[in-house]
Structures are given as structure tokens and as C-alpha cells.
Amino acid sequence: MKDVILDIERWRTSGCRIAVARVVATEGSSPRGAGAAMVVNDRGEVAGSVSGGCVEGAVVTAATEVLNGQREAGVISFGYSDDDAFSVGLTCGGTIHLFVEELAW
């Protein structure tokens, strides 16, 4: 969260709604550890990283869906054994679990 706090404050001050995705657990090899965060605002701007690039697009989509009311806040997971793992680029052999939610003020 330290990496994105300035973006959050700037976006909040400008009236944006913001979703945050945080790595809450990992299994096996993972690109980023627990605590890594990405934030997405309702204008489509993104800051931070949860995977070093391999699942960022899917996480942005999930965060945008939370902001648009198309998805409930909650845990999403990406892992090597999942059918979607290769389609989103997670080939490190591990699994990452992220909690995605809209920030409340």
C-alpha cells in the first residue's frame, strides 16, 4: 500500500472512486508477496502491481467490475493449475489470492 498511497490521496481529492486489490496470500512461487497492492480508479487509471505484470490485466478488470457493481468485493485467485492461468499469463507455478474491494471514505 505504501507504493500507491500518494495516488490514492490524489484521486480521492479529485473525487474519484477507487478499488484496491491486495495480495492476501500466496502458495508456492509467486511474483509478489502478501501486501502487494494495485489501485484502479473510476477513470481507468492504475497504480501499483500485484503480480509484476502476469495477471495485472485480469485484476484491473475485476477492480473495474467492483466499481461498476458487476462484481461483489471478495477474493479472487490465480494459479498455475487453473484453466485461466496461462490465459492471464501466470506461469510461475504458484497461486496468488487477492482481495478486491472499493475503498470507502
C-alpha atoms as a PDB file:
ATOM      1  CA  MET A   1       0.000   0.000   0.000  1.00  0.00           C
ATOM      2  CA  LYS A   2       2.924   2.354   0.567  1.00  0.00           C
ATOM      3  CA  ASP A   3       3.579   2.364  -3.182  1.00  0.00           C
ATOM      4  CA  VAL A   4       0.089   3.606  -4.008  1.00  0.00           C
ATOM      5  CA  ILE A   5      -0.858   5.865  -1.103  1.00  0.00           C
ATOM      6  CA  LEU A   6       0.011   9.085  -2.943  1.00  0.00           C
ATOM      7  CA  ASP A   7      -2.103   8.020  -5.926  1.00  0.00           C
ATOM      8  CA  ILE A   8      -4.996   7.162  -3.623  1.00  0.00           C
ATOM      9  CA  GLU A   9      -4.826  10.555  -1.936  1.00  0.00           C
ATOM     10  CA  ARG A  10      -4.593  12.436  -5.241  1.00  0.00           C
ATOM     11  CA  TRP A  11      -7.506  10.504  -6.749  1.00  0.00           C
ATOM     12  CA  ARG A  12      -9.606  10.818  -3.593  1.00  0.00           C
ATOM     13  CA  THR A  13      -9.034  14.574  -3.524  1.00  0.00           C
ATOM     14  CA  SER A  14     -10.186  14.822  -7.142  1.00  0.00           C
ATOM     15  CA  GLY A  15     -13.399  12.922  -6.340  1.00  0.00           C
ATOM     16  CA  CYS A  16     -12.581   9.543  -7.880  1.00  0.00           C
ATOM     17  CA  ARG A  17     -13.978   6.263  -6.662  1.00  0.00           C
ATOM     18  CA  ILE A  18     -11.195   3.752  -6.110  1.00  0.00           C
ATOM     19  CA  ALA A  19     -10.918  -0.019  -5.963  1.00  0.00           C
ATOM     20  CA  VAL A  20      -7.966  -1.723  -4.330  1.00  0.00           C
ATOM     21  CA  ALA A  21      -6.665  -5.233  -4.961  1.00  0.00           C
ATOM     22  CA  ARG A  22      -4.320  -6.603  -2.305  1.00  0.00           C
ATOM     23  CA  VAL A  23      -2.402  -9.857  -2.294  1.00  0.00           C
ATOM     24  CA  VAL A  24      -3.667 -11.594   0.844  1.00  0.00           C
ATOM     25  CA  ALA A  25      -1.981 -14.982   0.424  1.00  0.00           C
ATOM     26  CA  THR A  26       0.330 -16.893  -1.865  1.00  0.00           C
ATOM     27  CA  GLU A  27       1.102 -20.559  -2.395  1.00  0.00           C
ATOM     28  CA  GLY A  28       4.303 -21.794  -3.963  1.00  0.00           C
ATOM     29  CA  SER A  29       6.224 -19.461  -6.223  1.00  0.00           C
ATOM     30  CA  SER A  30       4.574 -16.080  -6.706  1.00  0.00           C
ATOM     31  CA  PRO A  31       5.658 -12.869  -8.399  1.00  0.00           C
ATOM     32  CA  ARG A  32       4.703 -10.586  -5.452  1.00  0.00           C
ATOM     33  CA  GLY A  33       4.134 -11.329  -1.795  1.00  0.00           C
ATOM     34  CA  ALA A  34       1.258 -10.701   0.578  1.00  0.00           C
ATOM     35  CA  GLY A  35       0.587  -6.993   0.979  1.00  0.00           C
ATOM     36  CA  ALA A  36       1.347  -6.017  -2.615  1.00  0.00           C
ATOM     37  CA  ALA A  37      -1.390  -3.704  -3.879  1.00  0.00           C
ATOM     38  CA  MET A  38      -2.868  -2.263  -7.035  1.00  0.00           C
ATOM     39  CA  VAL A  39      -5.422   0.545  -7.152  1.00  0.00           C
ATOM     40  CA  VAL A  40      -7.776   1.402 -10.006  1.00  0.00           C
ATOM     41  CA  ASN A  41      -9.939   4.495 -10.211  1.00  0.00           C
ATOM     42  CA  ASP A  42     -13.240   5.046 -11.980  1.00  0.00           C
ATOM     43  CA  ARG A  43     -11.409   6.882 -14.773  1.00  0.00           C
ATOM     44  CA  GLY A  44      -9.417   3.761 -15.628  1.00  0.00           C
ATOM     45  CA  GLU A  45      -6.119   4.905 -14.121  1.00  0.00           C
ATOM     46  CA  VAL A  46      -3.998   2.224 -12.436  1.00  0.00           C
ATOM     47  CA  ALA A  47      -1.184   2.365  -9.888  1.00  0.00           C
ATOM     48  CA  GLY A  48       0.801  -0.368  -8.180  1.00  0.00           C
ATOM     49  CA  SER A  49       1.309  -4.018  -9.021  1.00  0.00           C
ATOM     50  CA  VAL A  50       0.151  -7.332  -7.626  1.00  0.00           C
ATOM     51  CA  SER A  51       1.939  -9.695  -9.964  1.00  0.00           C
ATOM     52  CA  GLY A  52       4.788  -7.988 -11.732  1.00  0.00           C
ATOM     53  CA  GLY A  53       2.712  -7.989 -14.902  1.00  0.00           C
ATOM     54  CA  CYS A  54       1.452 -11.533 -15.345  1.00  0.00           C
ATOM     55  CA  VAL A  55      -2.164 -11.079 -14.146  1.00  0.00           C
ATOM     56  CA  GLU A  56      -2.429  -7.296 -13.979  1.00  0.00           C
ATOM     57  CA  GLY A  57      -4.996  -7.038 -16.797  1.00  0.00           C
ATOM     58  CA  ALA A  58      -7.350  -9.526 -15.170  1.00  0.00           C
ATOM     59  CA  VAL A  59      -7.041  -7.722 -11.829  1.00  0.00           C
ATOM     60  CA  VAL A  60      -7.813  -4.341 -13.431  1.00  0.00           C
ATOM     61  CA  THR A  61     -10.903  -5.915 -14.986  1.00  0.00           C
ATOM     62  CA  ALA A  62     -12.037  -7.309 -11.621  1.00  0.00           C
ATOM     63  CA  ALA A  63     -11.449  -3.970  -9.870  1.00  0.00           C
ATOM     64  CA  THR A  64     -13.388  -2.124 -12.566  1.00  0.00           C
ATOM     65  CA  GLU A  65     -16.241  -4.608 -12.222  1.00  0.00           C
ATOM     66  CA  VAL A  66     -16.336  -3.959  -8.457  1.00  0.00           C
ATOM     67  CA  LEU A  67     -16.552  -0.203  -9.098  1.00  0.00           C
ATOM     68  CA  ASN A  68     -19.328  -0.735 -11.677  1.00  0.00           C
ATOM     69  CA  GLY A  69     -21.351  -3.032  -9.407  1.00  0.00           C
ATOM     70  CA  GLN A  70     -20.829  -6.019 -11.715  1.00  0.00           C
ATOM     71  CA  ARG A  71     -18.867  -7.995  -9.106  1.00  0.00           C
ATOM     72  CA  GLU A  72     -19.044  -8.232  -5.335  1.00  0.00           C
ATOM     73  CA  ALA A  73     -15.974  -7.378  -3.297  1.00  0.00           C
ATOM     74  CA  GLY A  74     -14.084 -10.517  -2.377  1.00  0.00           C
ATOM     75  CA  VAL A  75     -11.202 -12.860  -3.001  1.00  0.00           C
ATOM     76  CA  ILE A  76     -10.056 -13.786  -6.487  1.00  0.00           C
ATOM     77  CA  SER A  77      -7.312 -16.309  -7.135  1.00  0.00           C
ATOM     78  CA  PHE A  78      -4.934 -17.085  -9.955  1.00  0.00           C
ATOM     79  CA  GLY A  79      -2.865 -20.239 -10.015  1.00  0.00           C
ATOM     80  CA  TYR A  80      -0.851 -22.445 -12.296  1.00  0.00           C
ATOM     81  CA  SER A  81      -3.374 -25.278 -12.087  1.00  0.00           C
ATOM     82  CA  ASP A  82      -6.333 -23.050 -13.020  1.00  0.00           C
ATOM     83  CA  ASP A  83      -7.610 -23.234 -16.591  1.00  0.00           C
ATOM     84  CA  ASP A  84      -7.245 -19.449 -16.765  1.00  0.00           C
ATOM     85  CA  ALA A  85      -3.654 -19.344 -15.506  1.00  0.00           C
ATOM     86  CA  PHE A  86      -1.980 -19.423 -18.896  1.00  0.00           C
ATOM     87  CA  SER A  87      -4.570 -17.150 -20.484  1.00  0.00           C
ATOM     88  CA  VAL A  88      -3.728 -14.375 -18.000  1.00  0.00           C
ATOM     89  CA  GLY A  89      -0.018 -15.174 -18.024  1.00  0.00           C
ATOM     90  CA  LEU A  90       0.597 -16.736 -14.592  1.00  0.00           C
ATOM     91  CA  THR A  91       3.279 -19.290 -15.369  1.00  0.00           C
ATOM     92  CA  CYS A  92       5.421 -19.074 -12.213  1.00  0.00           C
ATOM     93  CA  GLY A  93       3.933 -22.270 -10.803  1.00  0.00           C
ATOM     94  CA  GLY A  94       2.276 -20.755  -7.738  1.00  0.00           C
ATOM     95  CA  THR A  95      -1.054 -19.283  -6.755  1.00  0.00           C
ATOM     96  CA  ILE A  96      -1.925 -15.769  -5.630  1.00  0.00           C
ATOM     97  CA  HIS A  97      -5.067 -14.771  -3.755  1.00  0.00           C
ATOM     98  CA  LEU A  98      -6.221 -11.154  -3.879  1.00  0.00           C
ATOM     99  CA  PHE A  99      -8.959  -9.299  -2.034  1.00  0.00           C
ATOM    100  CA  VAL A 100     -10.603  -6.721  -4.301  1.00  0.00           C
ATOM    101  CA  GLU A 101     -12.860  -4.013  -2.853  1.00  0.00           C
ATOM    102  CA  GLU A 102     -13.927  -0.418  -3.300  1.00  0.00           C
ATOM    103  CA  LEU A 103     -12.282   1.935  -0.825  1.00  0.00           C
ATOM    104  CA  ALA A 104     -14.803   3.602   1.463  1.00  0.00           C
ATOM    105  CA  TRP A 105     -14.253   7.102   2.846  1.00  0.00           C
END
